[in-house]
């Protein structure tokens, strides 16, 4: 009896020891392993969230321009790139691509650009733009974003205007306005290309251009000279010459140094500056610009639905509180329920489009069959919008912004029976 009790006691001790051993050798390491896996998972989630935040905060402005052919020994126009890091994080651009209308997508070099916040890189690329060719530059980042330069640019397709307003001129003199690319200290930093409209299509842009005008009547005493330019740095000079061009004198305050990354107005003289309105960054167009509606034999009015589409480009911020207006600007032989209608959009993100509708009640006012049918001409435009990030308020007309506008025509026709035949009557503007 005593021996059996001792054996059971020993078995209990051994079982407990085995259980403790299993707990410390299996359960605790497994628990530590699970905790380690959980820690690794949370660290990876945190790194991924940080990566996405940094990706959203990347803001790289890419500007593509041309160097004038005068700086190249073979008369070629070299492509010039300007990149500015306007975001709070460092941006790495592994390579650059040029998308050409002549040869398609072309990789340019293997240089990687590391750009801390506030960095500006200006350099010519090993790519020559031929006459008739248009190019844009694409800059991908290591975080997966892709930034593109603005409008396509080429020797025969310069994207911007430089307008020189010359005022307080005198009758009987010949005036010469010259625009030239600033040469700068280094040839590698020379950027810009200029031409007049007729020269641009015939010869392509060059390092300088000039326009002459003889003032022979009072209406010409405040005149405007326009040049096509690429982004760059320019010197603008205005000269007053005698009728035969023998002697010329500089007009103050020229010469004027102008750094242009868009449309630019230079005023030489005491008159107020000529303002060129900035376009609201939206596009609008009617889906059915030429619409024909048909009234039945016993109908004299119906509802006309006018669809339109508003789209936002990829190189701008989200917009909100977008106000779209339809305005009837002309009509004949019809009566409309309203001549001005409004439609509002709460928000539009980059790359998105919105399709909206305007509905008008239209009545045909013809008394005789030969008078049946009418039409009305309408205009759809964006009146206002507000930037979601910057808070900038875009207001057409009074706010100094030009409104995107689209026009359309609605033809109201009438049909009726005459014996076995069906007759129709329409009217066009």
Protein backbone atom coordinates (compact mmCIF):
# COMPACT_ATOMS: atom_id res chain seq x y z
CA UNK A 1 0.00 0.00 0.00
CA UNK A 2 2.77 2.40 0.91
CA UNK A 3 4.67 1.50 -2.28
CA UNK A 4 1.68 2.29 -4.55
CA UNK A 5 1.19 5.69 -2.91
CA UNK A 6 4.86 6.50 -3.48
CA UNK A 7 4.55 5.50 -7.16
CA UNK A 8 1.47 7.74 -7.64
CA UNK A 9 3.24 10.66 -5.99
CA UNK A 10 6.25 10.23 -8.25
CA UNK A 11 3.96 10.07 -11.31
CA UNK A 12 2.26 13.33 -10.32
CA UNK A 13 5.61 15.07 -9.88
CA UNK A 14 6.87 13.76 -13.23
CA UNK A 15 3.64 14.81 -15.00
CA UNK A 16 3.86 18.29 -13.52
CA UNK A 17 7.49 18.56 -14.57
CA UNK A 18 6.62 17.49 -18.10
CA UNK A 19 3.76 20.01 -18.25
CA UNK A 20 6.01 22.80 -17.02
CA UNK A 21 8.66 21.79 -19.53
CA UNK A 22 6.12 21.81 -22.37
CA UNK A 23 4.85 25.23 -21.26
CA UNK A 24 8.32 26.79 -21.19
CA UNK A 25 9.68 25.02 -24.27
CA UNK A 26 6.62 25.22 -26.54
CA UNK A 27 3.92 27.63 -25.38
CA UNK A 28 6.07 30.57 -24.34
CA UNK A 29 8.26 30.48 -27.51
CA UNK A 30 5.10 30.19 -29.60
CA UNK A 31 3.58 33.16 -27.80
CA UNK A 32 6.78 35.16 -28.29
CA UNK A 33 6.78 34.19 -31.99
CA UNK A 34 3.19 35.36 -32.42
CA UNK A 35 4.04 38.66 -30.72
CA UNK A 36 7.04 39.09 -32.97
CA UNK A 37 4.93 38.41 -36.08
CA UNK A 38 2.34 40.94 -34.84
CA UNK A 39 5.08 43.51 -34.29
CA UNK A 40 6.50 42.92 -37.77
CA UNK A 41 3.02 43.24 -39.27
CA UNK A 42 2.29 46.52 -37.46
CA UNK A 43 5.70 47.91 -38.45
CA UNK A 44 5.00 47.02 -42.08
CA UNK A 45 1.54 48.64 -41.91
CA UNK A 46 3.10 51.76 -40.37
CA UNK A 47 5.78 51.89 -43.08
CA UNK A 48 3.16 51.43 -45.78
CA UNK A 49 1.00 54.22 -44.40
CA UNK A 50 4.03 56.49 -44.15
CA UNK A 51 4.89 55.61 -47.75
CA UNK A 52 1.39 56.50 -48.95
CA UNK A 53 1.45 59.80 -47.04
CA UNK A 54 4.83 60.69 -48.55
CA UNK A 55 3.53 59.72 -52.01
CA UNK A 56 0.55 62.04 -51.62
CA UNK A 57 2.83 64.86 -50.44
CA UNK A 58 5.07 64.71 -53.50
CA UNK A 59 4.73 67.95 -55.48
CA UNK A 60 7.07 68.25 -58.43
CA UNK A 61 6.65 70.99 -61.03
CA UNK A 62 8.11 70.10 -64.42
CA UNK A 63 8.63 72.78 -67.08
CA UNK A 64 9.88 71.92 -70.56
CA UNK A 65 11.29 74.63 -72.79
CA UNK A 66 13.73 75.08 -75.68
CA UNK A 67 17.15 76.58 -76.14
CA UNK A 68 17.45 78.95 -79.13
CA UNK A 69 19.20 77.53 -82.21
CA UNK A 70 21.85 80.28 -82.00
CA UNK A 71 23.57 78.59 -79.02
CA UNK A 72 24.00 75.28 -80.88
CA UNK A 73 26.80 74.98 -83.46
CA UNK A 74 24.50 72.99 -85.76
CA UNK A 75 21.49 75.30 -85.36
CA UNK A 76 19.50 72.71 -83.39
CA UNK A 77 16.99 73.51 -80.66
CA UNK A 78 17.96 71.63 -77.51
CA UNK A 79 15.28 70.58 -75.03
CA UNK A 80 15.67 72.27 -71.62
CA UNK A 81 14.12 71.03 -68.38
CA UNK A 82 13.27 72.82 -65.13
CA UNK A 83 12.17 70.74 -62.11
CA UNK A 84 11.11 72.27 -58.78
CA UNK A 85 10.32 70.27 -55.64
CA UNK A 86 7.45 72.20 -54.06
CA UNK A 87 6.51 69.50 -51.54
CA UNK A 88 7.64 68.75 -47.96
CA UNK A 89 9.39 65.43 -48.77
CA UNK A 90 12.46 64.46 -50.74
CA UNK A 91 11.74 63.26 -54.28
CA UNK A 92 13.84 60.79 -56.24
CA UNK A 93 13.48 60.78 -60.04
CA UNK A 94 15.32 57.74 -61.45
CA UNK A 95 15.13 58.84 -65.10
CA UNK A 96 13.36 61.18 -67.50
CA UNK A 97 11.21 60.40 -70.54
CA UNK A 98 10.41 62.57 -73.55
CA UNK A 99 7.15 61.89 -75.34
CA UNK A 100 7.57 63.09 -78.90
CA UNK A 101 5.07 63.40 -81.72
CA UNK A 102 7.87 62.31 -84.06
CA UNK A 103 9.49 59.27 -82.40
CA UNK A 104 7.15 58.40 -79.52
CA UNK A 105 8.36 57.75 -75.96
CA UNK A 106 12.12 58.14 -75.51
CA UNK A 107 14.17 57.56 -72.35
CA UNK A 108 16.73 60.31 -71.68
CA UNK A 109 19.87 59.22 -69.82
CA UNK A 110 20.34 57.18 -66.65
CA UNK A 111 20.95 60.00 -64.19
CA UNK A 112 18.98 59.80 -60.96
CA UNK A 113 17.86 63.10 -59.43
CA UNK A 114 17.53 63.35 -55.64
CA UNK A 115 15.63 66.51 -54.79
CA UNK A 116 15.20 67.70 -51.18
CA UNK A 117 12.32 70.14 -50.53
CA UNK A 118 12.86 73.45 -52.31
CA UNK A 119 15.38 72.09 -54.82
CA UNK A 120 15.40 73.52 -58.35
CA UNK A 121 17.14 71.70 -61.19
CA UNK A 122 17.72 73.45 -64.52
CA UNK A 123 19.61 71.70 -67.29
CA UNK A 124 19.55 70.98 -71.03
CA UNK A 125 18.68 67.42 -72.04
CA UNK A 126 20.39 65.37 -74.71
CA UNK A 127 17.43 65.70 -77.03
CA UNK A 128 16.96 67.95 -80.06
CA UNK A 129 13.46 69.09 -81.04
CA UNK A 130 12.99 69.20 -84.80
CA UNK A 131 10.72 71.64 -86.71
CA UNK A 132 7.12 70.44 -86.66
CA UNK A 133 7.74 68.23 -83.62
CA UNK A 134 5.95 68.59 -80.27
CA UNK A 135 7.23 67.11 -77.02
CA UNK A 136 6.34 66.77 -73.34
CA UNK A 137 8.62 65.59 -70.53
CA UNK A 138 7.59 62.90 -68.02
CA UNK A 139 9.31 62.56 -64.64
CA UNK A 140 8.43 59.35 -62.73
CA UNK A 141 9.37 59.10 -59.03
CA UNK A 142 10.46 56.11 -56.98
CA UNK A 143 7.24 56.34 -54.94
CA UNK A 144 5.14 55.72 -58.05
CA UNK A 145 4.01 59.22 -59.02
CA UNK A 146 4.47 60.56 -62.53
CA UNK A 147 4.70 64.29 -63.23
CA UNK A 148 4.30 65.76 -66.71
CA UNK A 149 5.29 69.12 -68.12
CA UNK A 150 2.50 71.39 -69.28
CA UNK A 151 1.35 71.87 -72.85
CA UNK A 152 3.27 70.18 -75.70
CA UNK A 153 6.04 72.43 -76.98
CA UNK A 154 7.92 72.63 -80.25
CA UNK A 155 9.70 75.12 -82.53
CA UNK A 156 6.44 75.69 -84.41
CA UNK A 157 4.12 75.38 -81.39
CA UNK A 158 5.14 77.74 -78.59
CA UNK A 159 2.61 77.62 -75.74
CA UNK A 160 2.60 81.20 -74.40
CA UNK A 161 2.23 84.81 -75.46
CA UNK A 162 4.38 87.79 -74.50
CA UNK A 163 2.32 90.94 -75.05
CA UNK A 164 4.06 94.33 -75.12
CA UNK A 165 1.75 97.29 -74.61
CA UNK A 166 3.41 100.40 -75.98
CA UNK A 167 1.67 103.62 -74.97
CA UNK A 168 2.13 107.39 -75.29
CA UNK A 169 3.62 107.12 -78.76
CA UNK A 170 3.87 109.97 -81.28
CA UNK A 171 2.54 110.34 -84.79
CA UNK A 172 4.94 110.06 -87.70
CA UNK A 173 7.45 107.72 -86.02
CA UNK A 174 8.30 104.10 -86.60
CA UNK A 175 8.37 101.95 -83.48
CA UNK A 176 10.41 98.80 -83.08
CA UNK A 177 9.82 96.26 -80.28
CA UNK A 178 12.51 93.62 -79.82
CA UNK A 179 12.31 90.45 -77.72
CA UNK A 180 15.46 88.37 -77.25
CA UNK A 181 16.49 85.45 -75.07
CA UNK A 182 18.82 86.46 -72.25
CA UNK A 183 22.18 84.83 -72.87
CA UNK A 184 23.20 84.72 -69.21
CA UNK A 185 26.57 83.76 -67.79
CA UNK A 186 26.59 80.18 -69.12
CA UNK A 187 25.37 78.83 -72.43
CA UNK A 188 23.96 75.80 -70.59
CA UNK A 189 21.62 78.08 -68.63
CA UNK A 190 20.29 79.91 -71.70
CA UNK A 191 16.63 79.02 -72.10
CA UNK A 192 13.77 80.35 -74.17
CA UNK A 193 12.68 80.70 -77.79
CA UNK A 194 10.64 83.45 -79.43
CA UNK A 195 8.90 84.13 -82.73
CA UNK A 196 6.19 86.17 -84.35
CA UNK A 197 3.10 84.30 -85.52
CA UNK A 198 4.07 84.23 -89.20
CA UNK A 199 7.69 83.30 -88.42
CA UNK A 200 6.64 80.48 -86.11
CA UNK A 201 4.85 78.55 -88.84
CA UNK A 202 7.42 79.32 -91.52
CA UNK A 203 10.82 79.05 -89.80
CA UNK A 204 10.27 78.09 -86.19
CA UNK A 205 11.32 80.01 -83.11
CA UNK A 206 14.69 81.71 -82.69
CA UNK A 207 16.71 83.55 -80.10
CA UNK A 208 15.20 86.93 -80.98
CA UNK A 209 12.33 88.53 -82.89
CA UNK A 210 11.16 92.06 -83.56
CA UNK A 211 8.08 93.87 -84.85
CA UNK A 212 7.88 97.24 -86.63
CA UNK A 213 4.90 99.54 -86.74
CA UNK A 214 4.44 103.01 -88.19
CA UNK A 215 2.07 105.30 -86.27
CA UNK A 216 0.01 107.21 -88.81
CA UNK A 217 -3.27 107.98 -87.00
CA UNK A 218 -4.55 108.72 -83.52
CA UNK A 219 -6.09 105.26 -83.03
CA UNK A 220 -2.59 103.70 -83.12
CA UNK A 221 -1.15 105.84 -80.32
CA UNK A 222 -1.51 102.97 -77.83
CA UNK A 223 -0.50 99.80 -79.58
CA UNK A 224 0.04 96.15 -78.68
CA UNK A 225 2.78 93.85 -79.97
CA UNK A 226 2.42 90.09 -79.47
CA UNK A 227 5.14 87.42 -79.57
CA UNK A 228 4.99 83.65 -79.17
CA UNK A 229 7.40 82.40 -76.51
CA UNK A 230 8.55 79.28 -74.70
CA UNK A 231 9.23 79.39 -70.93
CA UNK A 232 12.46 81.29 -70.35
CA UNK A 233 14.14 84.61 -69.58
CA UNK A 234 13.79 87.45 -72.10
CA UNK A 235 14.95 91.01 -72.66
CA UNK A 236 12.26 93.35 -74.06
CA UNK A 237 13.37 96.59 -75.71
CA UNK A 238 11.28 99.34 -77.36
CA UNK A 239 12.80 101.85 -79.78
CA UNK A 240 11.44 105.02 -81.41
CA UNK A 241 12.86 105.51 -84.89
CA UNK A 242 12.50 108.16 -87.54
CA UNK A 243 10.30 107.43 -90.53
CA UNK A 244 13.22 106.23 -92.66
CA UNK A 245 14.69 104.23 -89.75
CA UNK A 246 17.89 106.23 -89.79
CA UNK A 247 18.03 107.15 -86.10
CA UNK A 248 16.49 105.31 -83.14
CA UNK A 249 16.17 106.13 -79.45
CA UNK A 250 15.40 103.80 -76.56
CA UNK A 251 12.00 104.22 -74.85
CA UNK A 252 12.15 104.09 -71.05
CA UNK A 253 11.87 101.92 -69.00
CA UNK A 254 13.13 99.41 -71.57
CA UNK A 255 15.12 97.22 -71.73
CA UNK A 256 13.00 95.09 -69.38
CA UNK A 257 14.02 91.65 -68.11
CA UNK A 258 11.10 89.19 -68.11
CA UNK A 259 11.07 85.66 -66.65
CA UNK A 260 8.16 83.84 -68.26
CA UNK A 261 6.55 80.54 -67.29
CA UNK A 262 3.18 81.51 -68.75
CA UNK A 263 1.44 84.36 -70.56
CA UNK A 264 3.17 87.68 -69.79
CA UNK A 265 2.21 91.32 -70.36
CA UNK A 266 4.86 94.06 -70.40
CA UNK A 267 3.72 97.67 -70.32
CA UNK A 268 6.04 100.39 -71.57
CA UNK A 269 4.48 103.79 -71.00
CA UNK A 270 2.21 105.48 -68.44
CA UNK A 271 -1.10 103.79 -69.29
CA UNK A 272 -2.60 101.12 -66.99
CA UNK A 273 -1.36 97.61 -67.51
CA UNK A 274 -3.22 95.39 -69.92
CA UNK A 275 -4.46 92.37 -67.99
CA UNK A 276 -4.73 88.95 -69.61
CA UNK A 277 -7.28 86.91 -67.63
CA UNK A 278 -6.19 83.54 -66.27
CA UNK A 279 -8.43 80.67 -67.42
CA UNK A 280 -10.38 78.69 -64.82
CA UNK A 281 -8.77 75.19 -64.86
CA UNK A 282 -11.86 73.40 -66.15
CA UNK A 283 -13.17 72.21 -69.50
CA UNK A 284 -16.83 72.26 -70.48
CA UNK A 285 -18.63 71.09 -73.60
CA UNK A 286 -22.20 70.18 -74.60
CA UNK A 287 -22.73 66.51 -75.39
CA UNK A 288 -25.15 67.46 -78.20
CA UNK A 289 -24.01 70.85 -79.56
CA UNK A 290 -26.47 70.61 -82.49
CA UNK A 291 -29.74 69.20 -81.19
CA UNK A 292 -32.97 68.81 -83.17
CA UNK A 293 -36.31 68.24 -81.44
CA UNK A 294 -39.58 67.42 -83.21
CA UNK A 295 -43.09 68.56 -82.28
CA UNK A 296 -46.00 66.36 -83.24
CA UNK A 297 -49.00 67.45 -85.29
CA UNK A 298 -51.03 68.42 -82.23
CA UNK A 299 -48.12 69.49 -79.99
CA UNK A 300 -46.97 73.04 -79.56
CA UNK A 301 -44.56 72.71 -76.62
CA UNK A 302 -42.20 70.19 -75.08
CA UNK A 303 -39.31 69.85 -72.62
CA UNK A 304 -35.82 70.10 -74.12
CA UNK A 305 -32.94 68.53 -72.17
CA UNK A 306 -29.42 69.85 -72.85
CA UNK A 307 -26.66 67.60 -71.48
CA UNK A 308 -23.17 68.93 -70.79
CA UNK A 309 -19.89 67.58 -69.39
CA UNK A 310 -17.40 69.32 -67.10
CA UNK A 311 -13.92 67.84 -66.66
CA UNK A 312 -10.88 68.68 -64.57
CA UNK A 313 -7.34 68.06 -65.79
CA UNK A 314 -4.74 65.94 -64.01
CA UNK A 315 -2.32 68.77 -63.22
CA UNK A 316 -4.44 70.77 -60.78
CA UNK A 317 -6.01 70.49 -57.33
CA UNK A 318 -9.57 69.29 -56.57
CA UNK A 319 -12.25 71.96 -57.00
CA UNK A 320 -15.51 72.47 -55.13
CA UNK A 321 -18.57 74.72 -55.33
CA UNK A 322 -18.45 74.75 -59.14
CA UNK A 323 -21.21 76.88 -60.63
CA UNK A 324 -22.23 76.17 -64.25
CA UNK A 325 -24.61 78.48 -66.13
CA UNK A 326 -26.67 78.06 -69.31
CA UNK A 327 -27.61 81.31 -71.02
CA UNK A 328 -29.82 81.63 -74.11
CA UNK A 329 -28.13 84.28 -76.26
CA UNK A 330 -30.50 84.23 -79.28
CA UNK A 331 -33.82 82.65 -80.29
CA UNK A 332 -36.48 82.94 -82.97
CA UNK A 333 -40.14 81.86 -83.22
CA UNK A 334 -40.06 80.04 -79.87
CA UNK A 335 -40.94 80.93 -76.29
CA UNK A 336 -38.68 79.65 -73.50
CA UNK A 337 -39.52 79.02 -69.86
CA UNK A 338 -36.19 80.67 -68.87
CA UNK A 339 -33.19 82.22 -70.57
CA UNK A 340 -30.70 81.62 -67.71
CA UNK A 341 -30.31 78.37 -65.75
CA UNK A 342 -27.72 77.32 -63.14
CA UNK A 343 -26.27 74.00 -62.03
CA UNK A 344 -23.91 73.39 -59.08
CA UNK A 345 -21.27 70.72 -58.46
CA UNK A 346 -20.10 69.98 -54.94
CA UNK A 347 -16.67 68.61 -55.84
CA UNK A 348 -14.55 67.51 -58.81
CA UNK A 349 -11.23 65.66 -58.38
CA UNK A 350 -8.32 65.67 -60.88
CA UNK A 351 -9.11 63.44 -63.85
CA UNK A 352 -12.83 63.27 -63.04
CA UNK A 353 -15.74 64.37 -65.23
CA UNK A 354 -19.32 65.35 -64.42
CA UNK A 355 -22.32 65.05 -66.71
CA UNK A 356 -25.20 67.43 -65.95
CA UNK A 357 -28.50 68.43 -67.54
CA UNK A 358 -30.37 71.65 -68.20
CA UNK A 359 -34.10 71.40 -68.96
CA UNK A 360 -36.11 74.11 -70.75
CA UNK A 361 -39.79 74.27 -71.64
CA UNK A 362 -40.00 75.35 -75.29
CA UNK A 363 -43.13 76.47 -77.15
CA UNK A 364 -43.45 76.93 -80.92
CA UNK A 365 -44.98 80.32 -81.71
CA UNK A 366 -45.83 79.73 -85.39
CA UNK A 367 -49.45 80.55 -86.37
CA UNK A 368 -49.35 79.20 -89.91
CA UNK A 369 -47.84 75.94 -91.14
CA UNK A 370 -45.19 77.75 -93.15
CA UNK A 371 -44.21 79.59 -89.94
CA UNK A 372 -43.71 76.44 -87.87
CA UNK A 373 -40.29 75.74 -86.42
CA UNK A 374 -37.77 77.86 -84.58
CA UNK A 375 -34.44 77.66 -82.84
CA UNK A 376 -32.44 79.02 -79.93
CA UNK A 377 -28.70 79.43 -79.41
CA UNK A 378 -27.28 78.83 -75.95
CA UNK A 379 -23.99 79.21 -74.15
CA UNK A 380 -22.76 76.99 -71.30
CA UNK A 381 -19.92 78.25 -69.11
CA UNK A 382 -18.33 77.91 -65.68
CA UNK A 383 -18.93 81.00 -63.54
CA UNK A 384 -16.99 80.15 -60.39
CA UNK A 385 -15.09 77.45 -58.51
CA UNK A 386 -12.92 77.13 -55.41
CA UNK A 387 -9.69 75.17 -54.83
CA UNK A 388 -10.07 72.49 -52.17
CA UNK A 389 -6.43 72.59 -51.03
CA UNK A 390 -5.28 76.18 -51.59
CA UNK A 391 -8.68 77.81 -51.11
CA UNK A 392 -8.16 79.92 -54.25
CA UNK A 393 -11.47 81.32 -55.52
CA UNK A 394 -11.93 81.38 -59.29
CA UNK A 395 -14.52 83.96 -60.33
CA UNK A 396 -15.16 84.68 -64.00
CA UNK A 397 -15.29 88.24 -65.36
CA UNK A 398 -15.03 90.33 -62.18
CA UNK A 399 -12.44 88.06 -60.53
CA UNK A 400 -9.93 88.37 -63.39
CA UNK A 401 -10.42 84.80 -64.63
CA UNK A 402 -11.66 83.78 -68.04
CA UNK A 403 -14.50 81.27 -68.11
CA UNK A 404 -14.47 78.08 -70.21
CA UNK A 405 -17.34 78.49 -72.67
CA UNK A 406 -19.19 76.14 -75.04
CA UNK A 407 -21.98 77.04 -77.48
CA UNK A 408 -24.78 75.00 -78.98
CA UNK A 409 -27.96 75.26 -81.07
CA UNK A 410 -31.34 73.61 -80.56
CA UNK A 411 -33.60 73.36 -83.63
CA UNK A 412 -37.33 73.06 -82.93
CA UNK A 413 -39.12 71.44 -85.88
CA UNK A 414 -42.80 70.65 -86.51
CA UNK A 415 -44.45 67.88 -88.53
CA UNK A 416 -48.05 67.47 -89.75
CA UNK A 417 -50.04 65.43 -92.25
CA UNK A 418 -51.27 66.63 -95.63
CA UNK A 419 -53.31 63.79 -97.06
CA UNK A 420 -51.04 60.79 -97.36
CA UNK A 421 -47.86 62.86 -96.97
CA UNK A 422 -46.03 64.06 -93.86
CA UNK A 423 -44.70 67.60 -93.98
CA UNK A 424 -42.03 69.15 -91.75
CA UNK A 425 -40.97 72.71 -91.10
CA UNK A 426 -37.69 73.83 -89.48
CA UNK A 427 -35.86 77.11 -89.20
CA UNK A 428 -32.12 77.73 -88.96
CA UNK A 429 -30.17 80.75 -87.70
